[in-house]
C-alpha atoms as a PDB file:
ATOM      1  CA  UNK A   1     -15.305  35.562  29.776  1.00  0.00           C
ATOM      2  CA  UNK A   2     -11.481  36.529  30.474  1.00  0.00           C
ATOM      3  CA  UNK A   3     -11.090  33.844  27.522  1.00  0.00           C
ATOM      4  CA  UNK A   4     -13.329  36.065  25.571  1.00  0.00           C
ATOM      5  CA  UNK A   5     -11.741  39.662  26.671  1.00  0.00           C
ATOM      6  CA  UNK A   6      -8.319  37.829  25.516  1.00  0.00           C
ATOM      7  CA  UNK A   7      -9.748  36.675  22.269  1.00  0.00           C
ATOM      8  CA  UNK A   8     -10.939  40.294  21.058  1.00  0.00           C
ATOM      9  CA  UNK A   9      -8.193  42.049  21.708  1.00  0.00           C
ATOM     10  CA  UNK A  10      -5.503  39.717  19.677  1.00  0.00           C
ATOM     11  CA  UNK A  11      -7.991  40.068  17.059  1.00  0.00           C
ATOM     12  CA  UNK A  12      -8.313  43.678  17.211  1.00  0.00           C
ATOM     13  CA  UNK A  13      -4.248  43.721  17.012  1.00  0.00           C
ATOM     14  CA  UNK A  14      -4.529  41.292  13.874  1.00  0.00           C
ATOM     15  CA  UNK A  15      -5.857  44.933  12.327  1.00  0.00           C
ATOM     16  CA  UNK A  16      -3.695  47.495  13.830  1.00  0.00           C
ATOM     17  CA  UNK A  17      -1.323  47.266  15.694  1.00  0.00           C
ATOM     18  CA  UNK A  18       0.126  50.418  18.042  1.00  0.00           C
ATOM     19  CA  UNK A  19       1.261  53.669  16.979  1.00  0.00           C
ATOM     20  CA  UNK A  20       4.091  54.400  19.159  1.00  0.00           C
ATOM     21  CA  UNK A  21       6.480  52.423  16.907  1.00  0.00           C
ATOM     22  CA  UNK A  22       5.873  54.238  13.875  1.00  0.00           C
ATOM     23  CA  UNK A  23       6.490  57.494  12.300  1.00  0.00           C
ATOM     24  CA  UNK A  24       3.701  59.604  11.520  1.00  0.00           C
ATOM     25  CA  UNK A  25       3.240  59.773   8.169  1.00  0.00           C
ATOM     26  CA  UNK A  26       4.254  63.493   5.387  1.00  0.00           C
ATOM     27  CA  UNK A  27       1.344  65.939   6.167  1.00  0.00           C
ATOM     28  CA  UNK A  28       0.475  65.486   3.293  1.00  0.00           C
ATOM     29  CA  UNK A  29      -1.168  62.173   3.423  1.00  0.00           C
ATOM     30  CA  UNK A  30      -3.179  63.359   5.731  1.00  0.00           C
ATOM     31  CA  UNK A  31      -5.956  65.905   6.300  1.00  0.00           C
ATOM     32  CA  UNK A  32      -4.638  69.078   8.293  1.00  0.00           C
ATOM     33  CA  UNK A  33      -7.695  70.414  11.031  1.00  0.00           C
ATOM     34  CA  UNK A  34      -8.701  73.932  11.930  1.00  0.00           C
ATOM     35  CA  UNK A  35     -11.392  74.715  14.653  1.00  0.00           C
ATOM     36  CA  UNK A  36     -15.025  73.062  15.674  1.00  0.00           C
ATOM     37  CA  UNK A  37     -17.308  73.648  13.310  1.00  0.00           C
ATOM     38  CA  UNK A  38     -20.800  73.442  12.269  1.00  0.00           C
ATOM     39  CA  UNK A  39     -22.250  70.171  12.661  1.00  0.00           C
ATOM     40  CA  UNK A  40     -24.501  69.239  10.022  1.00  0.00           C
ATOM     41  CA  UNK A  41     -27.745  69.211  10.748  1.00  0.00           C
ATOM     42  CA  UNK A  42     -29.288  65.407   9.769  1.00  0.00           C
ATOM     43  CA  UNK A  43     -26.219  64.131  12.470  1.00  0.00           C
ATOM     44  CA  UNK A  44     -26.945  66.640  15.094  1.00  0.00           C
ATOM     45  CA  UNK A  45     -30.374  64.687  14.518  1.00  0.00           C
ATOM     46  CA  UNK A  46     -29.337  61.273  14.744  1.00  0.00           C
ATOM     47  CA  UNK A  47     -26.927  62.098  17.993  1.00  0.00           C
ATOM     48  CA  UNK A  48     -30.200  62.835  19.762  1.00  0.00           C
ATOM     49  CA  UNK A  49     -31.049  59.282  18.924  1.00  0.00           C
ATOM     50  CA  UNK A  50     -27.471  57.543  19.260  1.00  0.00           C
ATOM     51  CA  UNK A  51     -26.053  59.125  22.008  1.00  0.00           C
ATOM     52  CA  UNK A  52     -23.840  56.944  22.896  1.00  0.00           C
ATOM     53  CA  UNK A  53     -22.835  57.120  19.730  1.00  0.00           C
ATOM     54  CA  UNK A  54     -21.861  60.813  20.096  1.00  0.00           C
ATOM     55  CA  UNK A  55     -19.768  60.286  22.592  1.00  0.00           C
ATOM     56  CA  UNK A  56     -15.972  62.235  23.368  1.00  0.00           C
ATOM     57  CA  UNK A  57     -12.812  60.413  23.258  1.00  0.00           C
ATOM     58  CA  UNK A  58      -9.118  60.633  23.672  1.00  0.00           C
ATOM     59  CA  UNK A  59      -7.503  64.003  23.244  1.00  0.00           C
ATOM     60  CA  UNK A  60      -4.295  64.242  20.694  1.00  0.00           C
ATOM     61  CA  UNK A  61      -4.395  60.371  20.228  1.00  0.00           C
ATOM     62  CA  UNK A  62      -2.411  59.198  17.034  1.00  0.00           C
ATOM     63  CA  UNK A  63      -4.665  57.490  14.641  1.00  0.00           C
ATOM     64  CA  UNK A  64      -3.498  53.364  14.052  1.00  0.00           C
ATOM     65  CA  UNK A  65      -0.894  52.071  12.111  1.00  0.00           C
ATOM     66  CA  UNK A  66      -3.818  49.273  10.125  1.00  0.00           C
ATOM     67  CA  UNK A  67      -2.847  45.669   9.781  1.00  0.00           C
ATOM     68  CA  UNK A  68      -3.005  43.731   5.578  1.00  0.00           C
ATOM     69  CA  UNK A  69      -5.569  41.523   7.766  1.00  0.00           C
ATOM     70  CA  UNK A  70      -6.793  45.103   8.824  1.00  0.00           C
ATOM     71  CA  UNK A  71      -6.765  46.770   5.549  1.00  0.00           C
ATOM     72  CA  UNK A  72      -7.995  43.607   3.580  1.00  0.00           C
ATOM     73  CA  UNK A  73     -11.319  43.951   6.321  1.00  0.00           C
ATOM     74  CA  UNK A  74     -11.466  47.738   5.330  1.00  0.00           C
ATOM     75  CA  UNK A  75     -11.695  46.901   1.413  1.00  0.00           C
ATOM     76  CA  UNK A  76     -14.208  44.089   1.822  1.00  0.00           C
ATOM     77  CA  UNK A  77     -16.358  46.367   4.043  1.00  0.00           C
ATOM     78  CA  UNK A  78     -16.471  49.104   1.968  1.00  0.00           C
ATOM     79  CA  UNK A  79     -17.109  47.473  -0.947  1.00  0.00           C
ATOM     80  CA  UNK A  80     -20.103  44.578   0.856  1.00  0.00           C
ATOM     81  CA  UNK A  81     -21.717  48.104   2.232  1.00  0.00           C
ATOM     82  CA  UNK A  82     -21.454  49.104  -1.970  1.00  0.00           C
ATOM     83  CA  UNK A  83     -22.783  46.502  -3.098  1.00  0.00           C
ATOM     84  CA  UNK A  84     -25.460  45.274  -0.950  1.00  0.00           C
ATOM     85  CA  UNK A  85     -26.786  48.572  -0.105  1.00  0.00           C
ATOM     86  CA  UNK A  86     -29.259  50.695  -3.073  1.00  0.00           C
ATOM     87  CA  UNK A  87     -28.455  54.149  -3.074  1.00  0.00           C
ATOM     88  CA  UNK A  88     -31.810  56.698  -3.172  1.00  0.00           C
ATOM     89  CA  UNK A  89     -32.376  60.210  -1.399  1.00  0.00           C
ATOM     90  CA  UNK A  90     -33.757  61.049   2.088  1.00  0.00           C
ATOM     91  CA  UNK A  91     -36.886  62.255   0.118  1.00  0.00           C
ATOM     92  CA  UNK A  92     -37.641  59.307  -1.851  1.00  0.00           C
ATOM     93  CA  UNK A  93     -37.294  57.310   1.748  1.00  0.00           C
ATOM     94  CA  UNK A  94     -38.330  58.997   4.533  1.00  0.00           C
ATOM     95  CA  UNK A  95     -40.134  62.009   2.452  1.00  0.00           C
ATOM     96  CA  UNK A  96     -36.988  64.988   3.840  1.00  0.00           C
ATOM     97  CA  UNK A  97     -34.758  66.471   2.189  1.00  0.00           C
ATOM     98  CA  UNK A  98     -31.645  65.736   5.328  1.00  0.00           C
ATOM     99  CA  UNK A  99     -31.827  62.120   7.361  1.00  0.00           C
ATOM    100  CA  UNK A 100     -28.646  60.574   8.557  1.00  0.00           C
ATOM    101  CA  UNK A 101     -29.676  56.742   9.755  1.00  0.00           C
ATOM    102  CA  UNK A 102     -28.015  53.356   9.043  1.00  0.00           C
ATOM    103  CA  UNK A 103     -30.354  51.917   6.568  1.00  0.00           C
ATOM    104  CA  UNK A 104     -31.870  48.492   8.224  1.00  0.00           C
ATOM    105  CA  UNK A 105     -34.088  48.533   4.734  1.00  0.00           C
ATOM    106  CA  UNK A 106     -31.546  47.825   2.496  1.00  0.00           C
ATOM    107  CA  UNK A 107     -31.334  51.483   0.940  1.00  0.00           C
ATOM    108  CA  UNK A 108     -30.378  54.407   1.898  1.00  0.00           C
ATOM    109  CA  UNK A 109     -27.927  57.961   0.626  1.00  0.00           C
ATOM    110  CA  UNK A 110     -24.321  58.159   1.061  1.00  0.00           C
ATOM    111  CA  UNK A 111     -24.335  59.784   4.818  1.00  0.00           C
ATOM    112  CA  UNK A 112     -26.351  56.377   5.119  1.00  0.00           C
ATOM    113  CA  UNK A 113     -23.689  54.572   3.482  1.00  0.00           C
ATOM    114  CA  UNK A 114     -21.093  56.338   6.152  1.00  0.00           C
ATOM    115  CA  UNK A 115     -22.494  55.666   9.198  1.00  0.00           C
ATOM    116  CA  UNK A 116     -23.086  51.945   8.319  1.00  0.00           C
ATOM    117  CA  UNK A 117     -19.462  51.290   7.581  1.00  0.00           C
ATOM    118  CA  UNK A 118     -18.041  53.148  10.516  1.00  0.00           C
ATOM    119  CA  UNK A 119     -19.756  50.942  13.182  1.00  0.00           C
ATOM    120  CA  UNK A 120     -19.310  47.691  10.845  1.00  0.00           C
ATOM    121  CA  UNK A 121     -15.356  48.733  11.184  1.00  0.00           C
ATOM    122  CA  UNK A 122     -16.599  49.789  14.348  1.00  0.00           C
ATOM    123  CA  UNK A 123     -16.977  46.112  15.857  1.00  0.00           C
ATOM    124  CA  UNK A 124     -14.119  44.705  13.643  1.00  0.00           C
ATOM    125  CA  UNK A 125     -12.346  46.280  16.450  1.00  0.00           C
ATOM    126  CA  UNK A 126     -11.256  49.891  14.801  1.00  0.00           C
ATOM    127  CA  UNK A 127     -11.188  52.590  17.539  1.00  0.00           C
ATOM    128  CA  UNK A 128     -14.192  55.414  16.903  1.00  0.00           C
ATOM    129  CA  UNK A 129     -11.717  58.602  16.694  1.00  0.00           C
ATOM    130  CA  UNK A 130     -10.418  56.718  13.297  1.00  0.00           C
ATOM    131  CA  UNK A 131     -13.278  57.033  11.709  1.00  0.00           C
ATOM    132  CA  UNK A 132     -14.435  59.801  10.654  1.00  0.00           C
ATOM    133  CA  UNK A 133     -17.204  61.199   8.696  1.00  0.00           C
ATOM    134  CA  UNK A 134     -16.633  63.917   6.101  1.00  0.00           C
ATOM    135  CA  UNK A 135     -18.013  66.410   3.792  1.00  0.00           C
ATOM    136  CA  UNK A 136     -16.955  66.791   0.554  1.00  0.00           C
ATOM    137  CA  UNK A 137     -17.600  68.942  -2.309  1.00  0.00           C
ATOM    138  CA  UNK A 138     -17.802  67.058  -5.717  1.00  0.00           C
ATOM    139  CA  UNK A 139     -15.925  68.341  -9.075  1.00  0.00           C
ATOM    140  CA  UNK A 140     -19.768  69.478 -10.267  1.00  0.00           C
ATOM    141  CA  UNK A 141     -21.027  71.646  -6.559  1.00  0.00           C
ATOM    142  CA  UNK A 142     -23.089  68.702  -4.757  1.00  0.00           C
ATOM    143  CA  UNK A 143     -22.557  67.960  -1.482  1.00  0.00           C
ATOM    144  CA  UNK A 144     -21.003  64.539  -0.832  1.00  0.00           C
ATOM    145  CA  UNK A 145     -20.349  62.418   2.450  1.00  0.00           C
ATOM    146  CA  UNK A 146     -17.325  60.019   2.492  1.00  0.00           C
ATOM    147  CA  UNK A 147     -16.111  57.619   5.317  1.00  0.00           C
ATOM    148  CA  UNK A 148     -12.261  59.096   6.559  1.00  0.00           C
ATOM    149  CA  UNK A 149      -9.844  55.777   8.461  1.00  0.00           C
ATOM    150  CA  UNK A 150      -6.619  58.315   9.758  1.00  0.00           C
ATOM    151  CA  UNK A 151      -3.918  56.014   9.636  1.00  0.00           C
ATOM    152  CA  UNK A 152      -0.480  56.326  10.179  1.00  0.00           C
ATOM    153  CA  UNK A 153       0.609  55.775   6.242  1.00  0.00           C
ATOM    154  CA  UNK A 154      -2.442  58.335   6.144  1.00  0.00           C
ATOM    155  CA  UNK A 155      -5.873  59.879   5.319  1.00  0.00           C
ATOM    156  CA  UNK A 156      -7.863  56.992   3.334  1.00  0.00           C
ATOM    157  CA  UNK A 157     -11.089  57.538   1.785  1.00  0.00           C
ATOM    158  CA  UNK A 158     -14.415  55.182   1.831  1.00  0.00           C
ATOM    159  CA  UNK A 159     -17.269  56.243  -1.068  1.00  0.00           C
ATOM    160  CA  UNK A 160     -20.145  55.159  -1.832  1.00  0.00           C
ATOM    161  CA  UNK A 161     -19.606  55.620  -5.507  1.00  0.00           C
ATOM    162  CA  UNK A 162     -15.663  53.864  -5.773  1.00  0.00           C
ATOM    163  CA  UNK A 163     -15.691  50.406  -4.585  1.00  0.00           C
ATOM    164  CA  UNK A 164     -11.793  51.254  -4.627  1.00  0.00           C
ATOM    165  CA  UNK A 165     -10.373  52.704  -0.822  1.00  0.00           C
ATOM    166  CA  UNK A 166      -8.255  55.812  -2.016  1.00  0.00           C
ATOM    167  CA  UNK A 167      -5.782  58.001  -0.021  1.00  0.00           C
ATOM    168  CA  UNK A 168      -7.534  61.381   0.224  1.00  0.00           C
ATOM    169  CA  UNK A 169      -4.997  63.085  -2.009  1.00  0.00           C
ATOM    170  CA  UNK A 170      -6.276  61.297  -4.718  1.00  0.00           C
ATOM    171  CA  UNK A 171      -9.307  61.832  -5.578  1.00  0.00           C
ATOM    172  CA  UNK A 172     -11.131  64.302  -7.311  1.00  0.00           C
ATOM    173  CA  UNK A 173     -13.114  65.951  -4.165  1.00  0.00           C
ATOM    174  CA  UNK A 174     -12.520  69.724  -2.278  1.00  0.00           C
ATOM    175  CA  UNK A 175     -12.604  68.504   1.357  1.00  0.00           C
ATOM    176  CA  UNK A 176     -14.910  70.311   4.450  1.00  0.00           C
ATOM    177  CA  UNK A 177     -15.033  69.404   7.050  1.00  0.00           C
ATOM    178  CA  UNK A 178     -15.156  66.302   9.110  1.00  0.00           C
ATOM    179  CA  UNK A 179     -16.085  64.306  12.443  1.00  0.00           C
ATOM    180  CA  UNK A 180     -13.450  65.369  15.178  1.00  0.00           C
ATOM    181  CA  UNK A 181     -10.883  63.075  16.011  1.00  0.00           C
ATOM    182  CA  UNK A 182     -11.055  63.257  19.860  1.00  0.00           C
ATOM    183  CA  UNK A 183     -15.344  63.676  19.558  1.00  0.00           C
ATOM    184  CA  UNK A 184     -17.450  61.641  17.966  1.00  0.00           C
ATOM    185  CA  UNK A 185     -20.451  64.560  18.174  1.00  0.00           C
ATOM    186  CA  UNK A 186     -18.179  67.998  16.781  1.00  0.00           C
ATOM    187  CA  UNK A 187     -16.896  68.445  14.013  1.00  0.00           C
ATOM    188  CA  UNK A 188     -13.667  70.333  12.814  1.00  0.00           C
ATOM    189  CA  UNK A 189     -13.118  71.854   9.254  1.00  0.00           C
ATOM    190  CA  UNK A 190     -10.496  71.519   7.213  1.00  0.00           C
ATOM    191  CA  UNK A 191      -7.549  73.112   6.682  1.00  0.00           C
ATOM    192  CA  UNK A 192      -5.425  72.208   3.642  1.00  0.00           C
ATOM    193  CA  UNK A 193      -9.472  70.709   2.125  1.00  0.00           C
ATOM    194  CA  UNK A 194      -7.936  72.477  -1.434  1.00  0.00           C
ATOM    195  CA  UNK A 195      -4.737  70.661  -1.582  1.00  0.00           C
ATOM    196  CA  UNK A 196      -6.274  67.752  -3.156  1.00  0.00           C
ATOM    197  CA  UNK A 197      -7.919  69.780  -6.063  1.00  0.00           C
ATOM    198  CA  UNK A 198      -5.070  71.485  -6.550  1.00  0.00           C
ATOM    199  CA  UNK A 199      -2.797  68.142  -7.008  1.00  0.00           C
ATOM    200  CA  UNK A 200      -5.673  66.191  -9.239  1.00  0.00           C
ATOM    201  CA  UNK A 201      -5.574  69.751 -11.817  1.00  0.00           C
ATOM    202  CA  UNK A 202      -1.774  68.667 -11.703  1.00  0.00           C
ATOM    203  CA  UNK A 203      -2.229  65.368 -13.296  1.00  0.00           C
END
């Protein structure tokens, strides 16, 4: 048992390194979050049946520095889930407008993609506080969900509409709110969510 624990710890160290030895990123590379805000109803219902995935964590915990191997793992999981899961609406699958769950049937909507990617990355050693479900608005006004990965290099986005893992400021979305890094069952507003839209217009 001790050997297994040591092996797991070593693997985690390959994925991420302690952030204490690194300088924090420029604020523009990370989302500025505000106070606690409303939890999406789909996530609230998900938490009722998956309470262990919606627990409190450490407050004010700095994000870790992701290694090259860690980044490759992130890219592989994003592409794999995008490839293996068929996009379908909750209405088509469950006959209701909003139902967050793991896409065990091989199909799901954007929130289901996010839940699966989050779980897979946690199994690889990433901290729950660095893997945050995030609600955005697409340029056409439609709501959408992506997974934000907090790192010392900034906040990066895993999206079922794109196999590329991008810095959040390199997308065309308006960022509204996300899970709190200190509590997987709480949500916080994103104060500089419009900065991405301004950036994209200027390009």
